[in-house]
C-alpha atoms as a PDB file:
ATOM      1  CA  UNK A   1     -27.988  -7.859   4.699  1.00  0.00           C
ATOM      2  CA  UNK A   2     -25.615  -4.957   5.279  1.00  0.00           C
ATOM      3  CA  UNK A   3     -23.612  -2.538   3.018  1.00  0.00           C
ATOM      4  CA  UNK A   4     -20.510  -2.502   4.859  1.00  0.00           C
ATOM      5  CA  UNK A   5     -19.026  -4.958   7.933  1.00  0.00           C
ATOM      6  CA  UNK A   6     -15.613  -5.033   9.510  1.00  0.00           C
ATOM      7  CA  UNK A   7     -13.573  -8.528   9.642  1.00  0.00           C
ATOM      8  CA  UNK A   8     -10.088  -9.333  10.713  1.00  0.00           C
ATOM      9  CA  UNK A   9      -9.150  -5.456  10.984  1.00  0.00           C
ATOM     10  CA  UNK A  10     -10.526  -4.829   7.573  1.00  0.00           C
ATOM     11  CA  UNK A  11     -13.455  -3.421   6.131  1.00  0.00           C
ATOM     12  CA  UNK A  12     -15.690  -4.768   3.637  1.00  0.00           C
ATOM     13  CA  UNK A  13     -18.331  -3.401   1.229  1.00  0.00           C
ATOM     14  CA  UNK A  14     -21.216  -4.978  -0.729  1.00  0.00           C
ATOM     15  CA  UNK A  15     -20.075  -2.747  -3.471  1.00  0.00           C
ATOM     16  CA  UNK A  16     -16.651  -3.689  -3.696  1.00  0.00           C
ATOM     17  CA  UNK A  17     -15.060  -0.312  -3.617  1.00  0.00           C
ATOM     18  CA  UNK A  18     -12.075  -0.183  -2.334  1.00  0.00           C
ATOM     19  CA  UNK A  19     -12.319   3.101  -0.782  1.00  0.00           C
ATOM     20  CA  UNK A  20     -14.154   2.489   1.973  1.00  0.00           C
ATOM     21  CA  UNK A  21     -11.884   0.011   3.222  1.00  0.00           C
ATOM     22  CA  UNK A  22      -8.836   2.664   2.554  1.00  0.00           C
ATOM     23  CA  UNK A  23     -10.592   4.977   4.343  1.00  0.00           C
ATOM     24  CA  UNK A  24     -11.418   2.822   7.549  1.00  0.00           C
ATOM     25  CA  UNK A  25      -7.445   1.831   7.609  1.00  0.00           C
ATOM     26  CA  UNK A  26      -6.583   5.663   7.293  1.00  0.00           C
ATOM     27  CA  UNK A  27      -8.971   5.995  10.200  1.00  0.00           C
ATOM     28  CA  UNK A  28      -7.054   3.947  12.585  1.00  0.00           C
ATOM     29  CA  UNK A  29      -3.847   4.679  11.099  1.00  0.00           C
ATOM     30  CA  UNK A  30      -4.946   8.520  12.019  1.00  0.00           C
ATOM     31  CA  UNK A  31      -5.870   7.995  15.701  1.00  0.00           C
ATOM     32  CA  UNK A  32      -2.466   6.049  15.978  1.00  0.00           C
ATOM     33  CA  UNK A  33      -0.586   9.136  14.389  1.00  0.00           C
ATOM     34  CA  UNK A  34      -2.673  11.369  16.911  1.00  0.00           C
ATOM     35  CA  UNK A  35      -1.297   9.083  19.752  1.00  0.00           C
ATOM     36  CA  UNK A  36       2.216   9.345  18.917  1.00  0.00           C
ATOM     37  CA  UNK A  37       1.467  13.623  18.782  1.00  0.00           C
ATOM     38  CA  UNK A  38       4.413  14.184  21.599  1.00  0.00           C
ATOM     39  CA  UNK A  39       6.975  12.688  19.019  1.00  0.00           C
ATOM     40  CA  UNK A  40       5.646  14.363  16.131  1.00  0.00           C
ATOM     41  CA  UNK A  41       6.281  17.537  17.507  1.00  0.00           C
ATOM     42  CA  UNK A  42       9.679  16.728  19.677  1.00  0.00           C
ATOM     43  CA  UNK A  43      12.678  19.129  18.562  1.00  0.00           C
ATOM     44  CA  UNK A  44      15.187  16.459  20.148  1.00  0.00           C
ATOM     45  CA  UNK A  45      13.907  13.576  17.737  1.00  0.00           C
ATOM     46  CA  UNK A  46      15.546  13.816  13.802  1.00  0.00           C
ATOM     47  CA  UNK A  47      13.560  13.757  10.776  1.00  0.00           C
ATOM     48  CA  UNK A  48      14.963  10.903  10.080  1.00  0.00           C
ATOM     49  CA  UNK A  49      14.261   9.149  13.680  1.00  0.00           C
ATOM     50  CA  UNK A  50      10.091  10.845  13.237  1.00  0.00           C
ATOM     51  CA  UNK A  51       9.931   8.971   9.343  1.00  0.00           C
ATOM     52  CA  UNK A  52      11.057   5.660  10.281  1.00  0.00           C
ATOM     53  CA  UNK A  53       8.875   5.882  13.594  1.00  0.00           C
ATOM     54  CA  UNK A  54       6.139   7.017  10.833  1.00  0.00           C
ATOM     55  CA  UNK A  55       6.783   4.248   8.786  1.00  0.00           C
ATOM     56  CA  UNK A  56       6.778   1.441  11.289  1.00  0.00           C
ATOM     57  CA  UNK A  57       3.523   2.344  13.460  1.00  0.00           C
ATOM     58  CA  UNK A  58       1.526   4.391  11.024  1.00  0.00           C
ATOM     59  CA  UNK A  59       1.902   3.116   7.120  1.00  0.00           C
ATOM     60  CA  UNK A  60       2.129  -0.035   8.279  1.00  0.00           C
ATOM     61  CA  UNK A  61      -1.562   0.085   9.876  1.00  0.00           C
ATOM     62  CA  UNK A  62      -2.373   2.432   6.738  1.00  0.00           C
ATOM     63  CA  UNK A  63      -1.632  -0.025   4.447  1.00  0.00           C
ATOM     64  CA  UNK A  64      -2.963  -3.558   6.230  1.00  0.00           C
ATOM     65  CA  UNK A  65      -4.872  -5.455   3.682  1.00  0.00           C
ATOM     66  CA  UNK A  66      -3.856  -3.226   0.466  1.00  0.00           C
ATOM     67  CA  UNK A  67      -3.215  -5.457  -1.837  1.00  0.00           C
ATOM     68  CA  UNK A  68      -6.669  -6.270  -2.373  1.00  0.00           C
ATOM     69  CA  UNK A  69      -7.354  -2.348  -3.029  1.00  0.00           C
ATOM     70  CA  UNK A  70      -8.013  -1.073  -6.396  1.00  0.00           C
ATOM     71  CA  UNK A  71      -5.264   1.669  -6.673  1.00  0.00           C
ATOM     72  CA  UNK A  72      -8.053   4.060  -8.669  1.00  0.00           C
ATOM     73  CA  UNK A  73      -7.210   7.895  -9.175  1.00  0.00           C
ATOM     74  CA  UNK A  74      -9.610   8.793  -5.811  1.00  0.00           C
ATOM     75  CA  UNK A  75      -7.799   6.217  -3.788  1.00  0.00           C
ATOM     76  CA  UNK A  76      -4.507   7.493  -4.849  1.00  0.00           C
ATOM     77  CA  UNK A  77      -5.814  11.323  -4.016  1.00  0.00           C
ATOM     78  CA  UNK A  78      -7.340   9.768  -0.665  1.00  0.00           C
ATOM     79  CA  UNK A  79      -3.862   8.258   0.225  1.00  0.00           C
ATOM     80  CA  UNK A  80      -1.889  11.163  -0.834  1.00  0.00           C
ATOM     81  CA  UNK A  81      -4.018  13.763   1.103  1.00  0.00           C
ATOM     82  CA  UNK A  82      -3.389  11.423   4.886  1.00  0.00           C
ATOM     83  CA  UNK A  83       0.249  11.031   3.641  1.00  0.00           C
ATOM     84  CA  UNK A  84       0.398  14.893   3.209  1.00  0.00           C
ATOM     85  CA  UNK A  85      -1.360  15.649   6.804  1.00  0.00           C
ATOM     86  CA  UNK A  86       0.793  13.309   8.075  1.00  0.00           C
ATOM     87  CA  UNK A  87       4.124  14.743   6.631  1.00  0.00           C
ATOM     88  CA  UNK A  88       3.367  17.929   7.015  1.00  0.00           C
ATOM     89  CA  UNK A  89       2.659  17.657  10.732  1.00  0.00           C
ATOM     90  CA  UNK A  90       5.775  16.216  11.324  1.00  0.00           C
ATOM     91  CA  UNK A  91       7.707  18.561   9.242  1.00  0.00           C
ATOM     92  CA  UNK A  92       6.327  21.906   9.970  1.00  0.00           C
ATOM     93  CA  UNK A  93       5.541  22.456   6.121  1.00  0.00           C
ATOM     94  CA  UNK A  94       2.397  22.764   4.320  1.00  0.00           C
ATOM     95  CA  UNK A  95       0.226  20.404   3.377  1.00  0.00           C
ATOM     96  CA  UNK A  96       0.414  21.270  -0.550  1.00  0.00           C
ATOM     97  CA  UNK A  97       4.098  21.737  -0.359  1.00  0.00           C
ATOM     98  CA  UNK A  98       4.051  17.624   1.261  1.00  0.00           C
ATOM     99  CA  UNK A  99       1.152  16.436  -1.301  1.00  0.00           C
ATOM    100  CA  UNK A 100       3.860  17.594  -3.623  1.00  0.00           C
ATOM    101  CA  UNK A 101       7.111  16.415  -2.654  1.00  0.00           C
ATOM    102  CA  UNK A 102       8.204  12.346  -2.344  1.00  0.00           C
ATOM    103  CA  UNK A 103      11.254  13.083  -0.973  1.00  0.00           C
ATOM    104  CA  UNK A 104      10.315  11.970   2.315  1.00  0.00           C
ATOM    105  CA  UNK A 105       7.838   9.208   2.174  1.00  0.00           C
ATOM    106  CA  UNK A 106       5.012   8.295  -0.889  1.00  0.00           C
ATOM    107  CA  UNK A 107       2.387   6.142   0.824  1.00  0.00           C
ATOM    108  CA  UNK A 108       1.352   5.347  -2.950  1.00  0.00           C
ATOM    109  CA  UNK A 109       4.381   3.594  -3.908  1.00  0.00           C
ATOM    110  CA  UNK A 110       4.270   2.191  -0.399  1.00  0.00           C
ATOM    111  CA  UNK A 111       1.445   0.126  -1.162  1.00  0.00           C
ATOM    112  CA  UNK A 112       2.962  -0.772  -4.475  1.00  0.00           C
ATOM    113  CA  UNK A 113       5.540  -2.650  -3.248  1.00  0.00           C
ATOM    114  CA  UNK A 114       4.195  -4.298  -0.759  1.00  0.00           C
ATOM    115  CA  UNK A 115       1.712  -5.532  -3.637  1.00  0.00           C
ATOM    116  CA  UNK A 116       4.639  -7.011  -5.624  1.00  0.00           C
ATOM    117  CA  UNK A 117       5.962  -8.368  -2.470  1.00  0.00           C
ATOM    118  CA  UNK A 118       2.301  -9.785  -1.851  1.00  0.00           C
ATOM    119  CA  UNK A 119       2.716 -11.190  -5.245  1.00  0.00           C
ATOM    120  CA  UNK A 120       6.167 -13.258  -5.482  1.00  0.00           C
ATOM    121  CA  UNK A 121       4.946 -14.484  -1.034  1.00  0.00           C
ATOM    122  CA  UNK A 122       2.225 -16.141  -2.899  1.00  0.00           C
ATOM    123  CA  UNK A 123       3.474 -17.620  -5.723  1.00  0.00           C
ATOM    124  CA  UNK A 124       5.991 -19.042  -3.289  1.00  0.00           C
ATOM    125  CA  UNK A 125       2.968 -20.683  -1.798  1.00  0.00           C
ATOM    126  CA  UNK A 126       1.961 -24.549  -2.452  1.00  0.00           C
ATOM    127  CA  UNK A 127      -0.150 -24.413  -5.549  1.00  0.00           C
ATOM    128  CA  UNK A 128      -3.240 -26.008  -4.004  1.00  0.00           C
ATOM    129  CA  UNK A 129      -3.330 -23.233  -1.311  1.00  0.00           C
ATOM    130  CA  UNK A 130      -6.359 -20.451  -2.065  1.00  0.00           C
ATOM    131  CA  UNK A 131      -4.349 -17.424  -1.811  1.00  0.00           C
ATOM    132  CA  UNK A 132      -2.127 -18.641  -4.494  1.00  0.00           C
ATOM    133  CA  UNK A 133      -4.875 -20.187  -6.897  1.00  0.00           C
ATOM    134  CA  UNK A 134      -6.539 -16.625  -6.815  1.00  0.00           C
ATOM    135  CA  UNK A 135      -3.689 -14.989  -7.837  1.00  0.00           C
ATOM    136  CA  UNK A 136      -2.916 -17.378 -10.823  1.00  0.00           C
ATOM    137  CA  UNK A 137      -6.860 -17.006 -11.763  1.00  0.00           C
ATOM    138  CA  UNK A 138      -6.940 -13.055 -11.621  1.00  0.00           C
ATOM    139  CA  UNK A 139      -3.921 -12.517 -13.346  1.00  0.00           C
ATOM    140  CA  UNK A 140      -5.690 -14.314 -16.705  1.00  0.00           C
ATOM    141  CA  UNK A 141      -8.433 -11.640 -16.631  1.00  0.00           C
ATOM    142  CA  UNK A 142      -7.800  -8.012 -18.317  1.00  0.00           C
ATOM    143  CA  UNK A 143      -5.255  -5.747 -16.194  1.00  0.00           C
ATOM    144  CA  UNK A 144      -7.293  -2.815 -15.483  1.00  0.00           C
ATOM    145  CA  UNK A 145      -5.008   0.436 -14.275  1.00  0.00           C
ATOM    146  CA  UNK A 146      -4.576   0.017 -10.006  1.00  0.00           C
ATOM    147  CA  UNK A 147      -5.004  -3.670  -9.906  1.00  0.00           C
ATOM    148  CA  UNK A 148      -2.257  -5.979  -7.976  1.00  0.00           C
ATOM    149  CA  UNK A 149      -1.012  -6.664 -11.384  1.00  0.00           C
ATOM    150  CA  UNK A 150      -0.383  -2.844 -12.531  1.00  0.00           C
ATOM    151  CA  UNK A 151       3.222  -2.751 -11.887  1.00  0.00           C
ATOM    152  CA  UNK A 152       4.047  -6.590 -13.257  1.00  0.00           C
ATOM    153  CA  UNK A 153       5.507  -6.433 -17.119  1.00  0.00           C
ATOM    154  CA  UNK A 154       2.561  -7.178 -19.469  1.00  0.00           C
ATOM    155  CA  UNK A 155       5.154  -9.208 -21.366  1.00  0.00           C
ATOM    156  CA  UNK A 156       5.092 -11.652 -18.781  1.00  0.00           C
ATOM    157  CA  UNK A 157       3.096 -15.240 -18.887  1.00  0.00           C
ATOM    158  CA  UNK A 158       2.226 -16.354 -15.546  1.00  0.00           C
ATOM    159  CA  UNK A 159       4.391 -19.725 -16.089  1.00  0.00           C
ATOM    160  CA  UNK A 160       7.560 -16.999 -16.507  1.00  0.00           C
ATOM    161  CA  UNK A 161       5.579 -15.369 -13.241  1.00  0.00           C
ATOM    162  CA  UNK A 162       5.655 -18.470 -11.431  1.00  0.00           C
ATOM    163  CA  UNK A 163       9.296 -19.428 -12.844  1.00  0.00           C
ATOM    164  CA  UNK A 164      10.772 -15.948 -11.043  1.00  0.00           C
ATOM    165  CA  UNK A 165       9.127 -16.621  -8.241  1.00  0.00           C
ATOM    166  CA  UNK A 166      12.306 -17.628  -6.340  1.00  0.00           C
ATOM    167  CA  UNK A 167      15.014 -15.201  -7.738  1.00  0.00           C
ATOM    168  CA  UNK A 168      14.728 -12.643  -5.221  1.00  0.00           C
ATOM    169  CA  UNK A 169      17.158 -10.386  -7.587  1.00  0.00           C
ATOM    170  CA  UNK A 170      14.288  -9.977 -10.095  1.00  0.00           C
ATOM    171  CA  UNK A 171      11.732  -8.961  -7.701  1.00  0.00           C
ATOM    172  CA  UNK A 172      14.286  -6.831  -5.884  1.00  0.00           C
ATOM    173  CA  UNK A 173      14.511  -5.230  -8.998  1.00  0.00           C
ATOM    174  CA  UNK A 174      10.930  -4.905  -9.494  1.00  0.00           C
ATOM    175  CA  UNK A 175      10.434  -2.932  -6.563  1.00  0.00           C
ATOM    176  CA  UNK A 176      13.268  -0.908  -6.835  1.00  0.00           C
ATOM    177  CA  UNK A 177      11.382   0.052 -10.306  1.00  0.00           C
ATOM    178  CA  UNK A 178       8.591   1.384  -8.892  1.00  0.00           C
ATOM    179  CA  UNK A 179       8.350   5.169  -9.391  1.00  0.00           C
ATOM    180  CA  UNK A 180       6.223   8.139  -8.253  1.00  0.00           C
ATOM    181  CA  UNK A 181       3.357   9.560 -10.143  1.00  0.00           C
END
């Protein structure tokens, strides 16, 4: 018996706490961020180029498996802290400035966007596949703050959600409407 273990890049905890998984992914992303120090400190690259590299290399690494995370206040604070530290290093601003300034990249918003895309992709699967069954079953449970369904309008039934799975414009609008908290 173990309290936690790493499997396929994700950290699974016996208590079901998302913070263990988040900390594990941020540790990997921090390591990658540090390996790219020469890019972040370069004066030849624009901030726009650095941000694109940050999104591609660091955010994608940090958010791997985020569809299963519960984004409670502790998780949001930890993600914001990590993001602010990285952005501060890239922009030569303070961590405090970067934690309050959502003009660059908001990691929590990125996670919420990824989760909506995951729901749509899962609903497009064959209805006999396990991920599809899990999404449909989980949708029937009461919604909690920070769940994967937090950005789905509460007035939508699962049938309506399934019917919208091919309407890419609808999903793009949902994703676009995610705002910083």
